[in-house]
Amino acid sequence: MRGKSGHSAAAGVAGAGSHPGTLGVPSFERSGGGSTGAAWKGFGIVTTASSADHPTRRDFLFVATGAVAAVGGVATLWPFISQMNPDASTIAAGAPIDVDLTPIAEGQDIKVFWRGKPIYIMNRTKKQVEEAQKVPLASLPDPQTDQARTKEGHEQWLVVIGICTHLGCIPIAHEGNYDGFFCPCHGSQYDSSGRIRQGPAPANLPVPPYQFVSDTKIQIG
């Protein structure tokens, strides 16, 4: 069987060279064991869809080809997606920003930036809301009700510009004696409504223009 296989391959090669002008195609049909490898030597590796010789390599090539195509598609789309985002000058000019409130748990806060200013968004607890609403206006250096600083139906949400009204420092949330904001620069303290209660700051933390576009999202600006 081995001799026959070797003869078949040899005949194919000889035929390719003994008939000028005729293209000889060597036979790669597997008819034996080790003789096939010898017959194929010099012709490279031929991989077919049904070959089991290198399944891992073939699968890798398929995956790699698909990955390259996917990356190429994203690279092509990215300039168009990028154009949809407002540029830095638009943001600096005060373009409105949308903020998803879903990740903010009760009693927590986040800080975002609008017009280059830090904005604190606080999801107040029921206790914080009740305490803020009970404060006598006569006791406040800058009298303002809690209701005037929040949105009706969303009283648990406080949105303020996080810049101390004394010298422009950034206060720390959930610090101080009033469960609100504390400015470590000169000791100004604000309550959970962002109202000045103690220290040299002359006014409450400002409330930026904002609106609820849904129960879980606000638009600032």
N, C-alpha and C. Protein backbone atom coordinates (compact mmCIF):
# COMPACT_ATOMS: atom_id res chain seq x y z
N MET A 1 0.84 -1.20 0.00
CA MET A 1 0.00 0.00 0.00
C MET A 1 0.86 1.23 0.00
N ARG A 2 1.98 1.21 0.73
CA ARG A 2 2.88 2.34 0.82
C ARG A 2 3.53 2.62 -0.51
N GLY A 3 3.98 1.55 -1.17
CA GLY A 3 4.63 1.73 -2.46
C GLY A 3 3.67 2.31 -3.48
N LYS A 4 2.46 1.88 -3.47
CA LYS A 4 1.47 2.36 -4.40
C LYS A 4 1.18 3.84 -4.20
N SER A 5 1.11 4.28 -2.92
CA SER A 5 0.84 5.68 -2.65
C SER A 5 1.99 6.54 -3.11
N GLY A 6 3.20 6.08 -2.83
CA GLY A 6 4.37 6.84 -3.24
C GLY A 6 4.44 6.93 -4.75
N HIS A 7 4.09 5.92 -5.42
CA HIS A 7 4.13 5.90 -6.88
C HIS A 7 3.11 6.90 -7.44
N SER A 8 1.96 6.97 -6.85
CA SER A 8 0.92 7.88 -7.32
C SER A 8 1.38 9.31 -7.25
N ALA A 9 2.00 9.69 -6.13
CA ALA A 9 2.48 11.06 -5.95
C ALA A 9 3.58 11.35 -6.93
N ALA A 10 4.51 10.39 -7.09
CA ALA A 10 5.64 10.59 -7.99
C ALA A 10 5.16 10.73 -9.41
N ALA A 11 4.19 9.93 -9.80
CA ALA A 11 3.67 10.00 -11.16
C ALA A 11 3.03 11.34 -11.43
N GLY A 12 2.37 11.86 -10.43
CA GLY A 12 1.73 13.16 -10.60
C GLY A 12 2.76 14.24 -10.85
N VAL A 13 3.85 14.24 -10.05
CA VAL A 13 4.89 15.25 -10.19
C VAL A 13 5.57 15.09 -11.52
N ALA A 14 5.90 13.82 -11.92
CA ALA A 14 6.57 13.57 -13.19
C ALA A 14 5.71 14.03 -14.34
N GLY A 15 4.42 13.77 -14.25
CA GLY A 15 3.52 14.17 -15.32
C GLY A 15 3.49 15.67 -15.50
N ALA A 16 3.65 16.38 -14.39
CA ALA A 16 3.61 17.84 -14.46
C ALA A 16 4.80 18.36 -15.24
N GLY A 17 5.92 17.64 -15.21
CA GLY A 17 7.09 18.15 -15.88
C GLY A 17 7.33 17.53 -17.23
N SER A 18 6.64 16.47 -17.64
CA SER A 18 6.92 15.76 -18.87
C SER A 18 6.00 16.15 -20.00
N HIS A 19 5.06 17.03 -19.74
CA HIS A 19 4.15 17.47 -20.80
C HIS A 19 4.17 18.98 -20.88
N PRO A 20 5.05 19.56 -21.68
CA PRO A 20 5.16 21.02 -21.80
C PRO A 20 3.81 21.60 -22.22
N GLY A 21 3.50 22.73 -21.62
CA GLY A 21 2.26 23.41 -21.96
C GLY A 21 1.06 22.86 -21.25
N THR A 22 1.23 21.78 -20.51
CA THR A 22 0.10 21.20 -19.77
C THR A 22 0.37 21.34 -18.29
N LEU A 23 -0.57 21.90 -17.57
CA LEU A 23 -0.41 22.09 -16.13
C LEU A 23 -0.76 20.81 -15.41
N GLY A 24 0.22 20.23 -14.77
CA GLY A 24 -0.02 19.00 -14.03
C GLY A 24 -0.45 19.31 -12.63
N VAL A 25 -1.46 18.70 -12.13
CA VAL A 25 -1.96 18.92 -10.79
C VAL A 25 -1.68 17.69 -9.96
N PRO A 26 -0.77 17.78 -9.01
CA PRO A 26 -0.44 16.62 -8.19
C PRO A 26 -1.62 16.21 -7.34
N SER A 27 -1.74 14.90 -7.12
CA SER A 27 -2.85 14.38 -6.32
C SER A 27 -2.49 14.41 -4.85
N PHE A 28 -3.41 14.95 -4.04
CA PHE A 28 -3.19 15.00 -2.60
C PHE A 28 -4.18 14.11 -1.87
N GLU A 29 -4.79 13.20 -2.57
CA GLU A 29 -5.76 12.29 -1.94
C GLU A 29 -5.03 11.38 -0.98
N ARG A 30 -5.54 11.29 0.21
CA ARG A 30 -4.90 10.49 1.25
C ARG A 30 -5.27 9.03 1.04
N SER A 31 -4.28 8.21 0.76
CA SER A 31 -4.57 6.79 0.53
C SER A 31 -3.78 5.89 1.47
N GLY A 32 -3.00 6.50 2.32
CA GLY A 32 -2.22 5.67 3.22
C GLY A 32 -1.89 6.41 4.49
N GLY A 33 -0.94 5.90 5.23
CA GLY A 33 -0.57 6.49 6.49
C GLY A 33 0.52 7.51 6.31
N GLY A 34 1.79 7.10 6.53
CA GLY A 34 2.89 8.03 6.54
C GLY A 34 3.26 8.50 5.16
N SER A 35 2.90 7.77 4.09
CA SER A 35 3.34 8.15 2.74
C SER A 35 2.71 9.46 2.31
N THR A 36 1.55 9.81 2.85
CA THR A 36 0.88 11.04 2.44
C THR A 36 1.70 12.25 2.83
N GLY A 37 2.26 12.25 4.07
CA GLY A 37 3.10 13.35 4.53
C GLY A 37 4.29 13.53 3.61
N ALA A 38 4.90 12.43 3.17
CA ALA A 38 6.06 12.52 2.29
C ALA A 38 5.65 13.04 0.94
N ALA A 39 4.50 12.61 0.44
CA ALA A 39 4.05 13.04 -0.87
C ALA A 39 3.74 14.53 -0.87
N TRP A 40 3.24 15.07 0.28
CA TRP A 40 2.86 16.48 0.35
C TRP A 40 4.05 17.38 0.59
N LYS A 41 5.21 16.85 0.96
CA LYS A 41 6.36 17.66 1.31
C LYS A 41 6.73 18.55 0.14
N GLY A 42 6.88 19.82 0.38
CA GLY A 42 7.25 20.74 -0.66
C GLY A 42 6.06 21.48 -1.25
N PHE A 43 4.84 21.07 -0.90
CA PHE A 43 3.65 21.72 -1.45
C PHE A 43 2.91 22.54 -0.39
N GLY A 44 3.45 22.68 0.82
CA GLY A 44 2.79 23.44 1.87
C GLY A 44 1.69 22.66 2.52
N ILE A 45 0.95 23.34 3.43
CA ILE A 45 -0.14 22.69 4.16
C ILE A 45 -1.46 23.12 3.57
N VAL A 46 -2.27 22.19 3.21
CA VAL A 46 -3.59 22.48 2.66
C VAL A 46 -4.62 22.18 3.74
N THR A 47 -5.44 23.19 4.10
CA THR A 47 -6.46 23.01 5.14
C THR A 47 -7.82 23.12 4.51
N THR A 48 -8.66 22.16 4.81
CA THR A 48 -10.03 22.18 4.28
C THR A 48 -10.99 22.28 5.44
N ALA A 49 -12.23 22.56 5.11
CA ALA A 49 -13.24 22.75 6.15
C ALA A 49 -13.48 21.48 6.95
N SER A 50 -13.16 20.34 6.38
CA SER A 50 -13.42 19.08 7.06
C SER A 50 -12.16 18.51 7.70
N SER A 51 -11.04 19.20 7.56
CA SER A 51 -9.79 18.69 8.12
C SER A 51 -9.82 18.77 9.63
N ALA A 52 -9.25 17.75 10.25
CA ALA A 52 -9.18 17.73 11.72
C ALA A 52 -7.76 17.87 12.17
N ASP A 53 -6.84 18.16 11.23
CA ASP A 53 -5.42 18.25 11.59
C ASP A 53 -5.16 19.45 12.49
N HIS A 54 -5.76 20.62 12.19
CA HIS A 54 -5.49 21.83 12.96
C HIS A 54 -6.79 22.56 13.27
N PRO A 55 -7.69 21.95 14.00
CA PRO A 55 -8.97 22.61 14.27
C PRO A 55 -8.81 23.88 15.10
N THR A 56 -7.88 23.87 16.04
CA THR A 56 -7.70 25.03 16.91
C THR A 56 -7.20 26.22 16.12
N ARG A 57 -6.25 25.96 15.24
CA ARG A 57 -5.70 27.03 14.42
C ARG A 57 -6.77 27.61 13.49
N ARG A 58 -7.59 26.73 12.88
CA ARG A 58 -8.63 27.18 11.99
C ARG A 58 -9.66 28.02 12.74
N ASP A 59 -10.05 27.55 13.93
CA ASP A 59 -11.02 28.29 14.72
C ASP A 59 -10.47 29.66 15.10
N PHE A 60 -9.18 29.68 15.43
CA PHE A 60 -8.55 30.95 15.80
C PHE A 60 -8.60 31.93 14.64
N LEU A 61 -8.34 31.43 13.44
CA LEU A 61 -8.36 32.30 12.26
C LEU A 61 -9.75 32.87 12.04
N PHE A 62 -10.79 32.02 12.22
CA PHE A 62 -12.16 32.50 12.05
C PHE A 62 -12.47 33.60 13.07
N VAL A 63 -12.11 33.35 14.34
CA VAL A 63 -12.39 34.32 15.41
C VAL A 63 -11.61 35.60 15.19
N ALA A 64 -10.32 35.44 14.82
CA ALA A 64 -9.48 36.61 14.61
C ALA A 64 -10.02 37.47 13.47
N THR A 65 -10.46 36.80 12.40
CA THR A 65 -11.00 37.54 11.27
C THR A 65 -12.25 38.31 11.67
N GLY A 66 -13.13 37.66 12.45
CA GLY A 66 -14.34 38.33 12.90
C GLY A 66 -14.03 39.50 13.83
N ALA A 67 -13.03 39.32 14.69
CA ALA A 67 -12.66 40.38 15.64
C ALA A 67 -12.12 41.59 14.90
N VAL A 68 -11.27 41.34 13.90
CA VAL A 68 -10.71 42.44 13.12
C VAL A 68 -11.83 43.19 12.40
N ALA A 69 -12.79 42.46 11.87
CA ALA A 69 -13.91 43.10 11.17
C ALA A 69 -14.73 43.95 12.14
N ALA A 70 -14.96 43.42 13.35
CA ALA A 70 -15.75 44.16 14.34
C ALA A 70 -15.03 45.44 14.76
N VAL A 71 -13.72 45.33 15.03
CA VAL A 71 -12.94 46.51 15.42
C VAL A 71 -12.95 47.53 14.30
N GLY A 72 -12.80 47.05 13.07
CA GLY A 72 -12.82 47.96 11.93
C GLY A 72 -14.14 48.68 11.82
N GLY A 73 -15.25 47.97 12.11
CA GLY A 73 -16.57 48.60 12.05
C GLY A 73 -16.72 49.68 13.11
N VAL A 74 -16.26 49.40 14.33
CA VAL A 74 -16.33 50.39 15.41
C VAL A 74 -15.48 51.60 15.08
N ALA A 75 -14.26 51.34 14.54
CA ALA A 75 -13.37 52.43 14.18
C ALA A 75 -14.00 53.32 13.13
N THR A 76 -14.75 52.72 12.22
CA THR A 76 -15.41 53.49 11.17
C THR A 76 -16.54 54.33 11.73
N LEU A 77 -17.29 53.77 12.70
CA LEU A 77 -18.44 54.48 13.26
C LEU A 77 -18.05 55.54 14.28
N TRP A 78 -16.88 55.37 14.93
CA TRP A 78 -16.53 56.26 16.05
C TRP A 78 -16.54 57.74 15.68
N PRO A 79 -15.96 58.15 14.52
CA PRO A 79 -16.01 59.58 14.19
C PRO A 79 -17.42 60.13 14.15
N PHE A 80 -18.38 59.31 13.68
CA PHE A 80 -19.76 59.77 13.61
C PHE A 80 -20.38 59.87 15.00
N ILE A 81 -20.07 58.88 15.87
CA ILE A 81 -20.57 58.91 17.25
C ILE A 81 -19.98 60.09 18.00
N SER A 82 -18.68 60.31 17.81
CA SER A 82 -17.99 61.39 18.50
C SER A 82 -18.58 62.75 18.15
N GLN A 83 -19.03 62.92 16.89
CA GLN A 83 -19.59 64.18 16.46
C GLN A 83 -20.90 64.50 17.17
N MET A 84 -21.55 63.46 17.73
CA MET A 84 -22.81 63.67 18.41
C MET A 84 -22.63 64.25 19.80
N ASN A 85 -21.43 64.16 20.38
CA ASN A 85 -21.16 64.68 21.71
C ASN A 85 -20.87 66.17 21.64
N PRO A 86 -21.34 66.96 22.62
CA PRO A 86 -21.02 68.39 22.60
C PRO A 86 -19.54 68.60 22.83
N ASP A 87 -18.94 69.57 22.14
CA ASP A 87 -17.52 69.81 22.30
C ASP A 87 -17.26 70.57 23.58
N ALA A 88 -15.97 70.73 23.90
CA ALA A 88 -15.57 71.35 25.17
C ALA A 88 -16.10 72.78 25.28
N SER A 89 -16.09 73.53 24.17
CA SER A 89 -16.55 74.91 24.22
C SER A 89 -18.04 75.00 24.52
N THR A 90 -18.79 74.02 24.01
CA THR A 90 -20.24 73.99 24.26
C THR A 90 -20.53 73.71 25.73
N ILE A 91 -19.78 72.73 26.27
CA ILE A 91 -19.94 72.40 27.70
C ILE A 91 -19.55 73.58 28.57
N ALA A 92 -18.42 74.23 28.21
CA ALA A 92 -17.94 75.37 28.99
C ALA A 92 -18.94 76.52 28.93
N ALA A 93 -19.65 76.62 27.82
CA ALA A 93 -20.62 77.71 27.66
C ALA A 93 -21.89 77.46 28.46
N GLY A 94 -22.01 76.28 29.02
CA GLY A 94 -23.16 76.00 29.86
C GLY A 94 -24.23 75.15 29.24
N ALA A 95 -23.85 74.27 28.33
CA ALA A 95 -24.83 73.37 27.73
C ALA A 95 -25.45 72.52 28.83
N PRO A 96 -26.75 72.28 28.77
CA PRO A 96 -27.41 71.46 29.80
C PRO A 96 -26.80 70.06 29.84
N ILE A 97 -26.79 69.48 31.01
CA ILE A 97 -26.32 68.11 31.18
C ILE A 97 -27.41 67.29 31.85
N ASP A 98 -27.57 66.06 31.44
CA ASP A 98 -28.52 65.15 32.06
C ASP A 98 -27.81 64.25 33.05
N VAL A 99 -28.43 64.02 34.18
CA VAL A 99 -27.83 63.19 35.23
C VAL A 99 -28.82 62.10 35.64
N ASP A 100 -28.37 60.86 35.56
CA ASP A 100 -29.19 59.72 35.98
C ASP A 100 -29.10 59.59 37.49
N LEU A 101 -30.24 59.60 38.16
CA LEU A 101 -30.26 59.54 39.62
C LEU A 101 -30.33 58.11 40.16
N THR A 102 -30.53 57.15 39.28
CA THR A 102 -30.74 55.77 39.71
C THR A 102 -29.62 55.23 40.60
N PRO A 103 -28.34 55.49 40.29
CA PRO A 103 -27.27 54.90 41.12
C PRO A 103 -27.12 55.51 42.51
N ILE A 104 -27.80 56.63 42.78
CA ILE A 104 -27.61 57.33 44.06
C ILE A 104 -28.57 56.76 45.10
N ALA A 105 -28.03 56.04 46.04
CA ALA A 105 -28.86 55.43 47.09
C ALA A 105 -29.29 56.48 48.11
N GLU A 106 -30.29 56.15 48.88
CA GLU A 106 -30.76 57.06 49.93
C GLU A 106 -29.62 57.33 50.92
N GLY A 107 -29.43 58.60 51.22
CA GLY A 107 -28.37 58.99 52.14
C GLY A 107 -27.02 59.22 51.46
N GLN A 108 -26.97 59.04 50.16
CA GLN A 108 -25.72 59.25 49.44
C GLN A 108 -25.80 60.48 48.54
N ASP A 109 -24.66 60.86 47.99
CA ASP A 109 -24.61 61.99 47.08
C ASP A 109 -23.55 61.74 46.02
N ILE A 110 -23.64 62.47 44.92
CA ILE A 110 -22.60 62.43 43.89
C ILE A 110 -22.23 63.87 43.55
N LYS A 111 -21.10 64.02 42.88
CA LYS A 111 -20.67 65.35 42.45
C LYS A 111 -20.42 65.31 40.95
N VAL A 112 -21.08 66.18 40.22
CA VAL A 112 -20.88 66.31 38.79
C VAL A 112 -20.42 67.74 38.50
N PHE A 113 -20.08 68.02 37.25
CA PHE A 113 -19.61 69.36 36.91
C PHE A 113 -20.47 69.97 35.81
N TRP A 114 -20.80 71.22 35.99
CA TRP A 114 -21.57 71.98 35.01
C TRP A 114 -21.01 73.39 34.98
N ARG A 115 -20.66 73.86 33.78
CA ARG A 115 -20.00 75.16 33.61
C ARG A 115 -18.72 75.24 34.43
N GLY A 116 -18.05 74.10 34.60
CA GLY A 116 -16.81 74.08 35.37
C GLY A 116 -17.00 74.14 36.87
N LYS A 117 -18.25 74.06 37.31
CA LYS A 117 -18.54 74.15 38.75
C LYS A 117 -18.97 72.78 39.28
N PRO A 118 -18.55 72.46 40.50
CA PRO A 118 -19.00 71.20 41.10
C PRO A 118 -20.44 71.31 41.55
N ILE A 119 -21.23 70.31 41.20
CA ILE A 119 -22.64 70.27 41.59
C ILE A 119 -22.87 69.05 42.47
N TYR A 120 -23.33 69.29 43.70
CA TYR A 120 -23.67 68.18 44.59
C TYR A 120 -25.13 67.79 44.37
N ILE A 121 -25.35 66.50 44.20
CA ILE A 121 -26.71 65.96 44.09
C ILE A 121 -26.87 64.96 45.23
N MET A 122 -27.73 65.28 46.17
CA MET A 122 -27.87 64.48 47.38
C MET A 122 -29.26 63.85 47.47
N ASN A 123 -29.28 62.54 47.71
CA ASN A 123 -30.53 61.83 47.94
C ASN A 123 -30.74 61.77 49.45
N ARG A 124 -31.48 62.71 49.97
CA ARG A 124 -31.60 62.84 51.41
C ARG A 124 -32.53 61.79 52.03
N THR A 125 -32.22 61.46 53.27
CA THR A 125 -33.07 60.52 53.99
C THR A 125 -34.33 61.26 54.47
N LYS A 126 -35.31 60.49 54.87
CA LYS A 126 -36.54 61.09 55.39
C LYS A 126 -36.24 61.96 56.60
N LYS A 127 -35.31 61.53 57.42
CA LYS A 127 -34.92 62.28 58.63
C LYS A 127 -34.30 63.62 58.24
N GLN A 128 -33.44 63.61 57.24
CA GLN A 128 -32.80 64.85 56.81
C GLN A 128 -33.83 65.84 56.27
N VAL A 129 -34.79 65.34 55.50
CA VAL A 129 -35.82 66.21 54.93
C VAL A 129 -36.66 66.83 56.04
N GLU A 130 -37.07 66.01 57.00
CA GLU A 130 -37.92 66.51 58.09
C GLU A 130 -37.18 67.55 58.93
N GLU A 131 -35.93 67.31 59.22
CA GLU A 131 -35.15 68.26 60.02
C GLU A 131 -34.97 69.57 59.28
N ALA A 132 -34.70 69.48 57.98
CA ALA A 132 -34.49 70.70 57.19
C ALA A 132 -35.76 71.54 57.12
N GLN A 133 -36.92 70.88 57.05
CA GLN A 133 -38.19 71.60 56.92
C GLN A 133 -38.65 72.21 58.24
N LYS A 134 -38.13 71.71 59.36
CA LYS A 134 -38.57 72.20 60.67
C LYS A 134 -37.73 73.36 61.20
N VAL A 135 -36.66 73.69 60.52
CA VAL A 135 -35.77 74.76 61.01
C VAL A 135 -36.49 76.11 60.95
N PRO A 136 -36.54 76.85 62.06
CA PRO A 136 -37.18 78.18 62.07
C PRO A 136 -36.39 79.14 61.18
N LEU A 137 -37.07 79.85 60.32
CA LEU A 137 -36.39 80.77 59.42
C LEU A 137 -35.63 81.86 60.17
N ALA A 138 -36.15 82.24 61.34
CA ALA A 138 -35.51 83.32 62.11
C ALA A 138 -34.12 82.93 62.59
N SER A 139 -33.84 81.62 62.61
CA SER A 139 -32.53 81.17 63.10
C SER A 139 -31.49 81.08 61.98
N LEU A 140 -31.88 81.38 60.76
CA LEU A 140 -30.98 81.23 59.62
C LEU A 140 -30.35 82.56 59.22
N PRO A 141 -29.03 82.59 59.03
CA PRO A 141 -28.35 83.80 58.56
C PRO A 141 -28.85 84.26 57.20
N ASP A 142 -29.20 83.30 56.35
CA ASP A 142 -29.73 83.60 55.02
C ASP A 142 -31.06 82.85 54.90
N PRO A 143 -32.16 83.44 55.43
CA PRO A 143 -33.43 82.73 55.54
C PRO A 143 -33.97 82.23 54.19
N GLN A 144 -34.27 80.95 54.17
CA GLN A 144 -34.86 80.34 52.98
C GLN A 144 -35.43 78.99 53.39
N THR A 145 -36.67 78.70 52.97
CA THR A 145 -37.27 77.43 53.33
C THR A 145 -36.65 76.29 52.52
N ASP A 146 -36.77 75.10 53.07
CA ASP A 146 -36.25 73.92 52.35
C ASP A 146 -37.07 73.69 51.08
N GLN A 147 -38.39 73.97 51.18
CA GLN A 147 -39.25 73.76 50.02
C GLN A 147 -38.86 74.66 48.85
N ALA A 148 -38.32 75.84 49.16
CA ALA A 148 -37.92 76.77 48.10
C ALA A 148 -36.63 76.32 47.42
N ARG A 149 -35.93 75.37 48.04
CA ARG A 149 -34.65 74.93 47.50
C ARG A 149 -34.71 73.55 46.86
N THR A 150 -35.90 72.97 46.83
CA THR A 150 -36.08 71.65 46.22
C THR A 150 -37.28 71.70 45.27
N LYS A 151 -37.52 70.60 44.59
CA LYS A 151 -38.64 70.53 43.64
C LYS A 151 -39.81 69.78 44.27
N GLU A 152 -41.00 70.31 44.09
CA GLU A 152 -42.19 69.68 44.65
C GLU A 152 -42.35 68.27 44.09
N GLY A 153 -42.62 67.34 45.00
CA GLY A 153 -42.75 65.94 44.62
C GLY A 153 -41.42 65.19 44.60
N HIS A 154 -40.33 65.93 44.73
CA HIS A 154 -38.99 65.34 44.76
C HIS A 154 -38.18 65.95 45.90
N GLU A 155 -38.83 66.12 47.05
CA GLU A 155 -38.21 66.83 48.16
C GLU A 155 -36.95 66.16 48.70
N GLN A 156 -36.80 64.84 48.44
CA GLN A 156 -35.62 64.15 48.96
C GLN A 156 -34.35 64.52 48.20
N TRP A 157 -34.49 65.13 47.03
CA TRP A 157 -33.33 65.46 46.21
C TRP A 157 -32.89 66.90 46.42
N LEU A 158 -31.64 67.07 46.81
CA LEU A 158 -31.06 68.40 46.95
C LEU A 158 -29.98 68.56 45.88
N VAL A 159 -30.05 69.66 45.13
CA VAL A 159 -29.07 69.94 44.09
C VAL A 159 -28.51 71.34 44.35
N VAL A 160 -27.22 71.42 44.65
CA VAL A 160 -26.60 72.71 44.96
C VAL A 160 -25.23 72.82 44.30
N ILE A 161 -24.78 74.05 44.11
CA ILE A 161 -23.43 74.29 43.61
C ILE A 161 -22.47 74.17 44.79
N GLY A 162 -21.52 73.27 44.68
CA GLY A 162 -20.63 72.97 45.80
C GLY A 162 -19.45 73.92 45.93
N ILE A 163 -19.74 75.21 46.06
CA ILE A 163 -18.69 76.22 46.25
C ILE A 163 -19.07 77.07 47.46
N CYS A 164 -18.21 77.09 48.45
CA CYS A 164 -18.49 77.85 49.66
C CYS A 164 -18.65 79.33 49.32
N THR A 165 -19.67 79.96 49.88
CA THR A 165 -19.96 81.36 49.57
C THR A 165 -19.06 82.32 50.32
N HIS A 166 -18.10 81.79 51.07
CA HIS A 166 -17.16 82.65 51.77
C HIS A 166 -16.01 83.04 50.84
N LEU A 167 -15.13 82.10 50.53
CA LEU A 167 -13.98 82.38 49.66
C LEU A 167 -13.85 81.40 48.51
N GLY A 168 -14.91 80.65 48.23
CA GLY A 168 -14.89 79.79 47.05
C GLY A 168 -14.24 78.43 47.22
N CYS A 169 -14.09 77.96 48.44
CA CYS A 169 -13.54 76.61 48.65
C CYS A 169 -14.63 75.57 48.34
N ILE A 170 -14.21 74.30 48.30
CA ILE A 170 -15.15 73.21 48.04
C ILE A 170 -15.50 72.54 49.36
N PRO A 171 -16.73 72.66 49.81
CA PRO A 171 -17.12 72.01 51.07
C PRO A 171 -17.23 70.50 50.93
N ILE A 172 -17.20 69.82 52.06
CA ILE A 172 -17.28 68.36 52.10
C ILE A 172 -18.71 67.96 52.51
N ALA A 173 -19.29 67.06 51.74
CA ALA A 173 -20.66 66.63 52.03
C ALA A 173 -20.70 65.67 53.21
N HIS A 174 -21.82 65.67 53.93
CA HIS A 174 -22.07 64.80 55.09
C HIS A 174 -21.07 65.05 56.21
N GLU A 175 -20.65 66.27 56.36
CA GLU A 175 -19.75 66.64 57.44
C GLU A 175 -20.33 67.84 58.19
N GLY A 176 -19.81 68.07 59.38
CA GLY A 176 -20.26 69.21 60.17
C GLY A 176 -21.34 68.85 61.17
N ASN A 177 -21.83 69.88 61.85
CA ASN A 177 -22.81 69.68 62.92
C ASN A 177 -24.25 69.60 62.43
N TYR A 178 -24.47 69.81 61.13
CA TYR A 178 -25.85 69.89 60.64
C TYR A 178 -26.17 68.85 59.56
N ASP A 179 -25.35 67.82 59.49
CA ASP A 179 -25.58 66.71 58.56
C ASP A 179 -25.71 67.21 57.12
N GLY A 180 -24.89 68.23 56.81
CA GLY A 180 -24.96 68.79 55.47
C GLY A 180 -23.59 68.90 54.84
N PHE A 181 -23.01 70.12 54.87
CA PHE A 181 -21.72 70.37 54.23
C PHE A 181 -20.82 71.16 55.18
N PHE A 182 -19.54 70.85 55.13
CA PHE A 182 -18.56 71.53 55.97
C PHE A 182 -17.41 72.01 55.10
N CYS A 183 -17.06 73.29 55.24
CA CYS A 183 -15.93 73.85 54.51
C CYS A 183 -14.72 73.87 55.43
N PRO A 184 -13.69 73.07 55.13
CA PRO A 184 -12.53 72.99 56.01
C PRO A 184 -11.62 74.21 55.96
N CYS A 185 -11.83 75.10 55.00
CA CYS A 185 -10.96 76.27 54.88
C CYS A 185 -11.10 77.22 56.07
N HIS A 186 -12.35 77.62 56.36
CA HIS A 186 -12.57 78.57 57.45
C HIS A 186 -13.73 78.17 58.35
N GLY A 187 -14.18 76.92 58.22
CA GLY A 187 -15.14 76.40 59.18
C GLY A 187 -16.61 76.68 58.92
N SER A 188 -16.96 77.11 57.74
CA SER A 188 -18.39 77.34 57.46
C SER A 188 -19.13 76.01 57.41
N GLN A 189 -20.35 76.01 57.99
CA GLN A 189 -21.14 74.79 58.02
C GLN A 189 -22.53 75.04 57.46
N TYR A 190 -22.98 74.11 56.62
CA TYR A 190 -24.28 74.20 55.98
C TYR A 190 -25.11 72.99 56.39
N ASP A 191 -26.44 73.17 56.43
CA ASP A 191 -27.29 72.04 56.81
C ASP A 191 -27.62 71.18 55.60
N SER A 192 -28.51 70.21 55.79
CA SER A 192 -28.84 69.26 54.72
C SER A 192 -29.66 69.88 53.61
N SER A 193 -29.96 71.18 53.74
CA SER A 193 -30.62 71.92 52.68
C SER A 193 -29.63 72.85 51.99
N GLY A 194 -28.37 72.80 52.44
CA GLY A 194 -27.34 73.66 51.86
C GLY A 194 -27.39 75.09 52.36
N ARG A 195 -28.06 75.31 53.50
CA ARG A 195 -28.18 76.66 54.05
C ARG A 195 -27.08 76.91 55.07
N ILE A 196 -26.53 78.10 55.07
CA ILE A 196 -25.46 78.42 56.00
C ILE A 196 -26.02 78.47 57.42
N ARG A 197 -25.32 77.77 58.32
CA ARG A 197 -25.78 77.72 59.71
C ARG A 197 -24.72 78.22 60.68
N GLN A 198 -23.47 78.14 60.28
CA GLN A 198 -22.38 78.51 61.20
C GLN A 198 -21.13 78.84 60.39
N GLY A 199 -20.38 79.87 60.86
CA GLY A 199 -19.13 80.22 60.19
C GLY A 199 -19.25 81.51 59.40
N PRO A 200 -18.17 81.89 58.72
CA PRO A 200 -18.10 83.20 58.05
C PRO A 200 -18.84 83.30 56.71
N ALA A 201 -19.28 82.21 56.12
CA ALA A 201 -19.97 82.28 54.83
C ALA A 201 -21.24 83.13 54.96
N PRO A 202 -21.45 84.07 54.06
CA PRO A 202 -22.59 84.99 54.18
C PRO A 202 -23.90 84.47 53.59
N ALA A 203 -23.83 83.43 52.75
CA ALA A 203 -25.06 83.01 52.06
C ALA A 203 -25.12 81.49 51.92
N ASN A 204 -26.30 81.02 51.56
CA ASN A 204 -26.50 79.59 51.34
C ASN A 204 -25.77 79.13 50.08
N LEU A 205 -25.58 77.82 49.97
CA LEU A 205 -25.03 77.28 48.73
C LEU A 205 -26.06 77.50 47.62
N PRO A 206 -25.66 78.04 46.49
CA PRO A 206 -26.62 78.34 45.42
C PRO A 206 -27.23 77.08 44.83
N VAL A 207 -28.46 77.20 44.38
CA VAL A 207 -29.16 76.12 43.68
C VAL A 207 -29.09 76.42 42.18
N PRO A 208 -28.50 75.54 41.40
CA PRO A 208 -28.41 75.79 39.96
C PRO A 208 -29.75 75.60 39.28
N PRO A 209 -29.93 76.13 38.09
CA PRO A 209 -31.18 75.87 37.36
C PRO A 209 -31.23 74.40 36.94
N TYR A 210 -32.29 73.72 37.29
CA TYR A 210 -32.43 72.31 36.91
C TYR A 210 -33.89 71.94 36.91
N GLN A 211 -34.18 70.82 36.27
CA GLN A 211 -35.55 70.31 36.22
C GLN A 211 -35.52 68.79 36.14
N PHE A 212 -36.60 68.18 36.59
CA PHE A 212 -36.75 66.74 36.48
C PHE A 212 -37.36 66.43 35.11
N VAL A 213 -36.65 65.64 34.32
CA VAL A 213 -37.20 65.22 33.04
C VAL A 213 -37.92 63.88 33.18
N SER A 214 -37.63 63.19 34.30
CA SER A 214 -38.35 61.97 34.68
C SER A 214 -38.10 61.78 36.17
N ASP A 215 -38.69 60.76 36.75
CA ASP A 215 -38.49 60.52 38.18
C ASP A 215 -37.06 60.12 38.52
N THR A 216 -36.30 59.69 37.53
CA THR A 216 -34.95 59.21 37.77
C THR A 216 -33.87 59.98 37.00
N LYS A 217 -34.25 61.12 36.45
CA LYS A 217 -33.26 61.89 35.69
C LYS A 217 -33.54 63.38 35.79
N ILE A 218 -32.46 64.16 35.97
CA ILE A 218 -32.59 65.61 35.99
C ILE A 218 -31.74 66.21 34.89
N GLN A 219 -32.11 67.42 34.50
CA GLN A 219 -31.32 68.17 33.53
C GLN A 219 -30.88 69.46 34.21
N ILE A 220 -29.56 69.65 34.25
CA ILE A 220 -29.01 70.86 34.88
C ILE A 220 -28.63 71.83 33.78
N GLY A 221 -29.10 73.07 33.92
CA GLY A 221 -28.78 74.09 32.93
C GLY A 221 -29.97 74.46 32.08
